[in-house]
Amino acid sequence: MGIRKPDATQFRRLGECLTEGDPLADRLVEWMYTVGSASARPLFERALADGIDTVDDAPEPLRAFFDEVEATPAWVDRDKIALGAEVMRGGGADGLYVARDVALLGGYMFAGFNQTLLRTGALEKGSNARFAETAQWALDVITERGLESRGVGYRSTVHVRFIHAMVRRHVGNLPDWDVDAWGVPINQTDMAATLVGALVAPIMGGVGLGKFHTPQEYEAVAHLTRYVGWLMGVQDEFLPKNFRDSIRVLFHTSCALSTPDETTRQLSLPMIDDPLGWHYETLPGLRRRIARSQHLSITGTFLGPAAMRTLGLPALVVPWYPLLKFPVNAVRSVAALRPGGRARAAVRGMAEHEKFMRTMLDSDATIGHSAAGITHRAA
């Protein structure tokens, strides 16, 4: 697509954004710590569920936050968001595989972000739980009508924004946090990379698995991503204007953040063996070993030998799963062009999403559970 590496000015700006958080959310959390979560948290939850106008005499930090969140920008096109969500539901299990095996695992080459993860208990809680929470948020976002006012995707996204601010305050105040080396925890560059990595990368990676879409559908995915990023507090310069721009954001933030260190392997190596603990009703031992090989084949195909070595993984992996799924998905992509085809693909895709979530966990994923120790500490 002719997207070049960031120039000197762009690199400098990406670096500046490593020191920028989310002022509205950060001020909200500071107020919450000041007055006490026991009285402040219920007000936040009520505003999130029912709107800020239902909170009598809402404190100024709470009202300022929700006044912005509830003021939907004029550029938001609900029809495009609905189309983008339907397309993403049609991504099915393969979309989640790319999000896990490529975006999340590849993100462990971002040393600064790893430092935040390690200080929120990432090693103890495990990558399985972390990915399940991220996947649940993404599934809420693409649920039908999920991004309508106070829909499940809207609520989940604003809740994630709040959790990010809690983590930013907690980790940033730890005595061993080096702001000069790592920037602000969950900074603007981090958030932009996470946004496009979670929502756009699965659609991009889907091409390598035989999943193709129309130009209109790709643009709708970018528009949905733009609105979700806005809700999450990502600055406008990182909100994709179109699908090509979403790839630019992903590429540029990756260039700025990719500084692997010893934490890279600390986090990546355990993740490769996660499938060995997944839940299968029949032939669990065999299917777990096949799943491990399957997901490793996806990672190796998309990240390549150099990145695999950096992650501490086998440099050469047989790409057997992408090779098997490409023709199947290509046929399905053509079928989706027929009348009603996209809707049928979305129904099938959501069923695959739910099945994969049940395979990973024997209980429902709870957004924010991995940071529960931090959010509860505010009480």
Protein backbone atom coordinates (compact mmCIF):
# COMPACT_ATOMS: atom_id res chain seq x y z
CA MET A 1 0.00 0.00 0.00
CA GLY A 2 3.01 2.27 -0.26
CA ILE A 3 3.23 2.97 3.48
CA ARG A 4 6.70 4.04 4.51
CA LYS A 5 8.44 3.92 7.85
CA PRO A 6 7.91 6.96 10.08
CA ASP A 7 10.14 9.88 9.18
CA ALA A 8 12.10 11.82 11.81
CA THR A 9 9.19 14.13 12.63
CA GLN A 10 6.75 11.24 12.94
CA PHE A 11 9.16 9.25 15.12
CA ARG A 12 9.58 12.25 17.38
CA ARG A 13 5.81 12.59 17.75
CA LEU A 14 5.41 8.88 18.47
CA GLY A 15 8.05 9.29 21.15
CA GLU A 16 6.25 12.27 22.66
CA CYS A 17 3.06 10.24 22.85
CA LEU A 18 4.85 7.68 25.01
CA THR A 19 4.60 10.30 27.77
CA GLU A 20 0.93 11.16 27.20
CA GLY A 21 -1.95 9.42 28.92
CA ASP A 22 -5.69 10.16 28.87
CA PRO A 23 -6.27 13.40 30.81
CA LEU A 24 -10.05 13.06 31.26
CA ALA A 25 -9.91 9.46 32.46
CA ASP A 26 -6.83 10.12 34.57
CA ARG A 27 -8.55 13.03 36.31
CA LEU A 28 -11.62 10.86 36.89
CA VAL A 29 -9.53 8.16 38.56
CA GLU A 30 -7.61 10.69 40.66
CA TRP A 31 -10.93 12.03 41.94
CA MET A 32 -12.09 8.50 42.67
CA TYR A 33 -8.99 7.78 44.75
CA THR A 34 -9.44 11.08 46.58
CA VAL A 35 -13.07 10.58 47.63
CA GLY A 36 -12.89 6.80 47.91
CA SER A 37 -14.08 4.13 45.52
CA ALA A 38 -16.87 2.99 47.83
CA SER A 39 -18.83 6.15 47.12
CA ALA A 40 -17.41 7.12 43.71
CA ARG A 41 -17.47 3.78 41.85
CA PRO A 42 -21.27 3.33 42.02
CA LEU A 43 -21.70 6.76 40.45
CA PHE A 44 -19.41 5.77 37.60
CA GLU A 45 -21.27 2.49 37.07
CA ARG A 46 -24.65 4.25 37.06
CA ALA A 47 -23.48 6.83 34.54
CA LEU A 48 -22.03 4.07 32.36
CA ALA A 49 -25.22 2.02 32.42
CA ASP A 50 -27.88 4.75 32.34
CA GLY A 51 -26.20 8.02 31.35
CA ILE A 52 -24.65 10.87 33.28
CA ASP A 53 -27.99 12.72 33.57
CA THR A 54 -29.25 9.97 35.89
CA VAL A 55 -26.57 10.91 38.45
CA ASP A 56 -27.89 13.69 40.67
CA ASP A 57 -25.37 16.48 41.26
CA ALA A 58 -22.68 14.54 39.42
CA PRO A 59 -19.18 15.57 40.56
CA GLU A 60 -17.36 17.62 37.95
CA PRO A 61 -14.66 15.03 36.99
CA LEU A 62 -17.37 12.42 36.45
CA ARG A 63 -19.58 14.75 34.45
CA ALA A 64 -16.70 16.05 32.32
CA PHE A 65 -15.72 12.50 31.43
CA PHE A 66 -19.20 11.34 30.47
CA ASP A 67 -20.19 14.60 28.78
CA GLU A 68 -17.40 13.90 26.31
CA VAL A 69 -18.06 10.18 25.96
CA GLU A 70 -21.79 10.71 25.39
CA ALA A 71 -21.27 13.51 22.82
CA THR A 72 -21.03 11.25 19.77
CA PRO A 73 -18.92 12.94 17.05
CA ALA A 74 -20.70 14.18 13.94
CA TRP A 75 -18.49 11.96 11.74
CA VAL A 76 -19.89 8.74 13.23
CA ASP A 77 -21.85 6.74 10.63
CA ARG A 78 -23.97 4.12 12.39
CA ASP A 79 -24.62 2.19 9.17
CA LYS A 80 -20.89 1.85 8.52
CA ILE A 81 -20.32 0.73 12.09
CA ALA A 82 -23.04 -1.91 11.73
CA LEU A 83 -21.47 -3.14 8.49
CA GLY A 84 -18.00 -3.23 10.03
CA ALA A 85 -19.27 -5.22 13.01
CA GLU A 86 -21.01 -7.73 10.74
CA VAL A 87 -17.85 -8.19 8.67
CA MET A 88 -15.80 -8.73 11.82
CA ARG A 89 -18.28 -11.24 13.22
CA GLY A 90 -17.77 -13.16 9.99
CA GLY A 91 -14.05 -13.45 10.80
CA GLY A 92 -14.90 -16.41 13.02
CA ALA A 93 -12.32 -18.38 14.93
CA ASP A 94 -9.60 -17.52 12.41
CA GLY A 95 -9.99 -13.85 13.28
CA LEU A 96 -9.41 -14.65 16.96
CA TYR A 97 -6.47 -16.85 16.02
CA VAL A 98 -4.76 -13.95 14.23
CA ALA A 99 -5.50 -11.63 17.16
CA ARG A 100 -3.93 -14.14 19.56
CA ASP A 101 -1.10 -15.71 17.57
CA VAL A 102 0.04 -12.63 15.66
CA ALA A 103 -1.12 -9.39 17.28
CA LEU A 104 -0.88 -10.36 20.95
CA LEU A 105 2.17 -12.60 20.69
CA GLY A 106 3.97 -10.19 18.34
CA GLY A 107 3.17 -7.39 20.78
CA TYR A 108 5.49 -9.01 23.31
CA MET A 109 8.33 -7.44 21.32
CA PHE A 110 7.14 -4.10 22.80
CA ALA A 111 9.35 -3.98 25.90
CA GLY A 112 7.80 -0.87 27.41
CA PHE A 113 4.31 -2.33 27.28
CA ASN A 114 5.64 -5.60 28.73
CA GLN A 115 6.85 -3.72 31.78
CA THR A 116 3.29 -2.64 32.51
CA LEU A 117 1.98 -6.17 32.01
CA LEU A 118 4.52 -7.66 34.38
CA ARG A 119 3.58 -5.14 37.08
CA THR A 120 -0.09 -6.10 36.81
CA GLY A 121 0.65 -9.79 37.33
CA ALA A 122 0.76 -10.97 33.71
CA LEU A 123 3.04 -13.91 34.47
CA GLU A 124 0.99 -15.08 37.43
CA LYS A 125 -2.39 -14.73 35.71
CA GLY A 126 -1.17 -16.08 32.37
CA SER A 127 -1.60 -15.05 28.75
CA ASN A 128 -4.65 -17.27 28.37
CA ALA A 129 -6.67 -15.14 30.77
CA ARG A 130 -5.32 -11.89 29.33
CA PHE A 131 -6.22 -12.83 25.78
CA ALA A 132 -9.65 -14.09 26.81
CA GLU A 133 -10.42 -10.70 28.38
CA THR A 134 -9.23 -8.85 25.28
CA ALA A 135 -11.23 -11.20 23.05
CA GLN A 136 -14.35 -10.72 25.15
CA TRP A 137 -14.04 -6.95 24.80
CA ALA A 138 -13.65 -7.29 21.02
CA LEU A 139 -16.66 -9.61 20.81
CA ASP A 140 -18.72 -7.10 22.81
CA VAL A 141 -17.65 -4.38 20.37
CA ILE A 142 -18.73 -6.34 17.27
CA THR A 143 -21.97 -7.65 18.77
CA GLU A 144 -24.99 -6.49 16.80
CA ARG A 145 -25.88 -2.97 18.01
CA GLY A 146 -23.11 -3.30 20.59
CA LEU A 147 -21.75 0.20 19.93
CA GLU A 148 -25.06 1.97 20.18
CA SER A 149 -25.45 4.30 23.15
CA ARG A 150 -24.94 2.21 26.28
CA GLY A 151 -24.81 -1.02 24.26
CA VAL A 152 -22.60 -3.84 25.48
CA GLY A 153 -19.66 -2.81 23.28
CA TYR A 154 -19.98 0.83 24.30
CA ARG A 155 -20.03 -0.09 28.00
CA SER A 156 -17.12 -2.53 27.67
CA THR A 157 -14.97 0.02 25.83
CA VAL A 158 -15.57 2.80 28.35
CA HIS A 159 -14.94 0.29 31.14
CA VAL A 160 -11.61 -0.66 29.55
CA ARG A 161 -10.71 3.04 29.31
CA PHE A 162 -11.40 3.38 33.04
CA ILE A 163 -9.26 0.30 33.84
CA HIS A 164 -6.42 1.69 31.74
CA ALA A 165 -6.48 4.88 33.80
CA MET A 166 -6.45 2.88 37.05
CA VAL A 167 -3.47 0.84 35.85
CA ARG A 168 -1.70 3.97 34.61
CA ARG A 169 -1.98 5.59 38.04
CA HIS A 170 -0.95 2.49 39.98
CA VAL A 171 1.98 1.36 37.83
CA GLY A 172 3.23 4.90 37.22
CA ASN A 173 3.52 5.43 40.97
CA LEU A 174 5.57 2.29 41.60
CA PRO A 175 9.11 3.10 42.77
CA ASP A 176 10.73 0.97 40.06
CA TRP A 177 8.81 2.50 37.16
CA ASP A 178 11.28 4.23 34.80
CA VAL A 179 9.32 6.84 32.88
CA ASP A 180 12.42 7.90 30.93
CA ALA A 181 12.89 4.38 29.59
CA TRP A 182 9.27 3.25 29.18
CA GLY A 183 7.16 6.38 29.10
CA VAL A 184 3.80 6.58 30.85
CA PRO A 185 2.11 3.21 31.44
CA ILE A 186 -0.55 2.54 28.77
CA ASN A 187 0.34 5.71 26.91
CA GLN A 188 -1.15 7.05 23.68
CA THR A 189 1.25 5.11 21.44
CA ASP A 190 0.48 1.91 23.39
CA MET A 191 -3.26 2.48 23.13
CA ALA A 192 -3.15 3.18 19.40
CA ALA A 193 -1.14 0.01 18.76
CA THR A 194 -3.50 -2.05 20.91
CA LEU A 195 -6.56 -0.61 19.17
CA VAL A 196 -5.53 -1.45 15.62
CA GLY A 197 -3.83 -4.66 16.71
CA ALA A 198 -7.03 -5.98 18.25
CA LEU A 199 -9.53 -4.81 15.63
CA VAL A 200 -7.71 -4.27 12.33
CA ALA A 201 -4.91 -6.87 12.44
CA PRO A 202 -7.37 -9.81 12.38
CA ILE A 203 -8.95 -8.46 9.19
CA MET A 204 -5.53 -7.83 7.62
CA GLY A 205 -4.24 -11.23 8.66
CA GLY A 206 -7.40 -12.84 7.39
CA VAL A 207 -6.16 -12.21 3.85
CA GLY A 208 -3.32 -14.64 4.51
CA LEU A 209 -5.90 -17.21 5.57
CA GLY A 210 -8.07 -16.72 2.49
CA LYS A 211 -10.57 -14.24 3.93
CA PHE A 212 -11.28 -11.43 1.47
CA HIS A 213 -13.67 -8.48 1.66
CA THR A 214 -14.94 -5.70 -0.56
CA PRO A 215 -13.40 -2.20 -0.37
CA GLN A 216 -16.61 -0.98 1.26
CA GLU A 217 -16.30 -3.62 3.96
CA TYR A 218 -12.68 -2.78 4.72
CA GLU A 219 -13.59 0.90 5.06
CA ALA A 220 -16.44 -0.01 7.42
CA VAL A 221 -14.02 -1.94 9.66
CA ALA A 222 -11.75 1.11 9.79
CA HIS A 223 -14.69 3.36 10.67
CA LEU A 224 -15.74 1.09 13.52
CA THR A 225 -12.15 1.10 14.76
CA ARG A 226 -12.07 4.89 14.61
CA TYR A 227 -15.17 5.21 16.80
CA VAL A 228 -13.98 2.58 19.30
CA GLY A 229 -10.64 4.37 19.57
CA TRP A 230 -12.42 7.66 20.19
CA LEU A 231 -14.48 6.07 22.98
CA MET A 232 -11.29 4.62 24.45
CA GLY A 233 -9.55 7.99 24.66
CA VAL A 234 -7.10 7.55 21.77
CA GLN A 235 -6.01 10.88 20.31
CA ASP A 236 -7.36 11.90 16.92
CA GLU A 237 -4.01 11.58 15.15
CA PHE A 238 -4.12 7.82 15.81
CA LEU A 239 -7.75 7.29 14.83
CA PRO A 240 -7.76 5.74 11.32
CA LYS A 241 -9.42 7.86 8.66
CA ASN A 242 -9.75 4.85 6.35
CA PHE A 243 -8.46 1.29 6.07
CA ARG A 244 -5.14 2.27 4.55
CA ASP A 245 -4.65 4.74 7.37
CA SER A 246 -5.35 2.00 9.92
CA ILE A 247 -2.47 0.02 8.45
CA ARG A 248 -0.28 3.14 8.72
CA VAL A 249 -1.15 3.49 12.41
CA LEU A 250 -0.36 -0.19 13.03
CA PHE A 251 2.95 -0.02 11.15
CA HIS A 252 4.13 3.28 12.63
CA THR A 253 3.29 2.40 16.24
CA SER A 254 4.95 -1.00 15.80
CA CYS A 255 8.11 0.69 14.52
CA ALA A 256 8.17 2.96 17.55
CA LEU A 257 7.38 0.32 20.17
CA SER A 258 9.32 -2.70 18.92
CA THR A 259 12.27 -2.80 21.31
CA PRO A 260 12.44 -6.42 22.52
CA ASP A 261 14.34 -7.30 25.69
CA GLU A 262 14.38 -10.10 28.26
CA THR A 263 10.67 -9.59 29.01
CA THR A 264 9.83 -10.61 25.46
CA ARG A 265 10.66 -14.27 26.05
CA GLN A 266 9.34 -14.17 29.59
CA LEU A 267 5.88 -13.54 28.16
CA SER A 268 6.01 -15.30 24.79
CA LEU A 269 7.32 -18.72 25.79
CA PRO A 270 4.54 -19.60 28.27
CA MET A 271 1.91 -18.52 25.74
CA ILE A 272 2.97 -21.13 23.19
CA ASP A 273 2.08 -23.89 25.65
CA ASP A 274 -1.32 -22.46 26.64
CA PRO A 275 -3.18 -24.82 24.25
CA LEU A 276 -1.89 -27.76 26.31
CA GLY A 277 -4.32 -26.70 29.02
CA TRP A 278 -7.36 -25.99 26.83
CA HIS A 279 -10.67 -27.77 27.25
CA TYR A 280 -11.71 -30.46 24.78
CA GLU A 281 -14.40 -33.04 25.47
CA THR A 282 -13.00 -35.77 23.20
CA LEU A 283 -9.38 -36.86 22.77
CA PRO A 284 -8.16 -33.91 24.83
CA GLY A 285 -4.47 -34.90 24.87
CA LEU A 286 -4.24 -35.28 21.09
CA ARG A 287 -6.30 -32.18 20.33
CA ARG A 288 -4.22 -30.06 22.69
CA ARG A 289 -1.02 -31.06 20.93
CA ILE A 290 -2.61 -30.39 17.53
CA ALA A 291 -3.80 -26.97 18.77
CA ARG A 292 -0.31 -26.08 19.96
CA SER A 293 1.12 -26.95 16.53
CA GLN A 294 -1.72 -25.14 14.78
CA HIS A 295 -1.25 -21.85 16.60
CA LEU A 296 2.53 -22.02 16.30
CA SER A 297 2.08 -22.47 12.53
CA ILE A 298 0.01 -19.29 12.38
CA THR A 299 2.55 -17.31 14.38
CA GLY A 300 5.46 -18.52 12.28
CA THR A 301 3.67 -17.84 8.98
CA PHE A 302 2.82 -14.22 9.78
CA LEU A 303 5.73 -13.06 11.95
CA GLY A 304 8.56 -14.73 10.05
CA PRO A 305 11.86 -16.32 11.19
CA ALA A 306 13.55 -13.18 12.57
CA ALA A 307 10.64 -12.31 14.87
CA MET A 308 10.27 -15.95 15.89
CA ARG A 309 13.90 -16.04 17.00
CA THR A 310 13.42 -12.82 18.95
CA LEU A 311 10.43 -14.37 20.71
CA GLY A 312 12.46 -17.47 21.52
CA LEU A 313 10.33 -19.66 19.25
CA PRO A 314 11.34 -22.06 16.44
CA ALA A 315 12.47 -19.97 13.47
CA LEU A 316 11.19 -22.41 10.86
CA VAL A 317 7.63 -23.66 11.27
CA VAL A 318 5.59 -25.55 8.69
CA PRO A 319 2.65 -23.26 7.76
CA TRP A 320 0.24 -26.19 7.60
CA TYR A 321 -2.80 -24.49 9.12
CA PRO A 322 -2.82 -21.40 6.83
CA LEU A 323 -2.29 -23.69 3.82
CA LEU A 324 -5.25 -25.86 4.80
CA LYS A 325 -7.61 -22.99 5.63
CA PHE A 326 -6.81 -20.69 2.70
CA PRO A 327 -8.92 -22.55 0.09
CA VAL A 328 -11.77 -23.13 2.55
CA ASN A 329 -11.95 -19.47 3.51
CA ALA A 330 -11.56 -18.32 -0.10
CA VAL A 331 -14.64 -20.29 -1.07
CA ARG A 332 -16.52 -18.86 1.90
CA SER A 333 -15.43 -15.33 0.94
CA VAL A 334 -17.00 -15.79 -2.48
CA ALA A 335 -20.15 -17.23 -0.90
CA ALA A 336 -20.41 -14.18 1.37
CA LEU A 337 -20.86 -11.99 -1.72
CA ARG A 338 -24.17 -13.66 -2.53
CA PRO A 339 -27.44 -12.20 -1.17
CA GLY A 340 -27.58 -12.91 2.55
CA GLY A 341 -24.11 -14.40 2.47
CA ARG A 342 -22.48 -11.88 4.79
CA ALA A 343 -25.23 -12.32 7.39
CA ARG A 344 -24.84 -16.10 7.29
CA ALA A 345 -21.08 -15.75 7.66
CA ALA A 346 -21.60 -13.49 10.69
CA VAL A 347 -23.84 -16.06 12.40
CA ARG A 348 -21.35 -18.85 11.71
CA GLY A 349 -18.47 -16.65 12.84
CA MET A 350 -20.04 -15.76 16.18
CA ALA A 351 -20.71 -19.44 16.87
CA GLU A 352 -17.02 -20.13 16.20
CA HIS A 353 -16.02 -17.25 18.49
CA GLU A 354 -18.10 -18.63 21.35
CA LYS A 355 -16.77 -22.15 20.85
CA PHE A 356 -13.16 -20.98 20.93
CA MET A 357 -13.79 -18.94 24.08
CA ARG A 358 -15.21 -22.05 25.78
CA THR A 359 -12.19 -24.02 24.62
CA MET A 360 -9.75 -21.57 26.19
CA LEU A 361 -11.57 -21.11 29.50
CA ASP A 362 -13.90 -23.23 31.57
CA SER A 363 -15.65 -20.07 32.77
CA ASP A 364 -16.74 -16.75 31.32
CA ALA A 365 -14.06 -14.13 30.67
CA THR A 366 -14.48 -11.03 32.84
CA ILE A 367 -13.11 -7.80 31.42
CA GLY A 368 -10.74 -6.23 33.93
CA HIS A 369 -10.21 -9.41 35.95
CA SER A 370 -6.46 -9.37 35.27
CA ALA A 371 -6.25 -5.93 36.88
CA ALA A 372 -8.67 -6.74 39.70
CA GLY A 373 -5.98 -6.33 42.36
CA ILE A 374 -5.37 -2.76 41.20
CA THR A 375 -8.99 -1.72 40.75
CA HIS A 376 -9.98 -3.19 44.13
CA ARG A 377 -7.09 -1.40 45.81
CA ALA A 378 -8.81 1.91 45.06
CA ALA A 379 -11.62 1.04 47.43
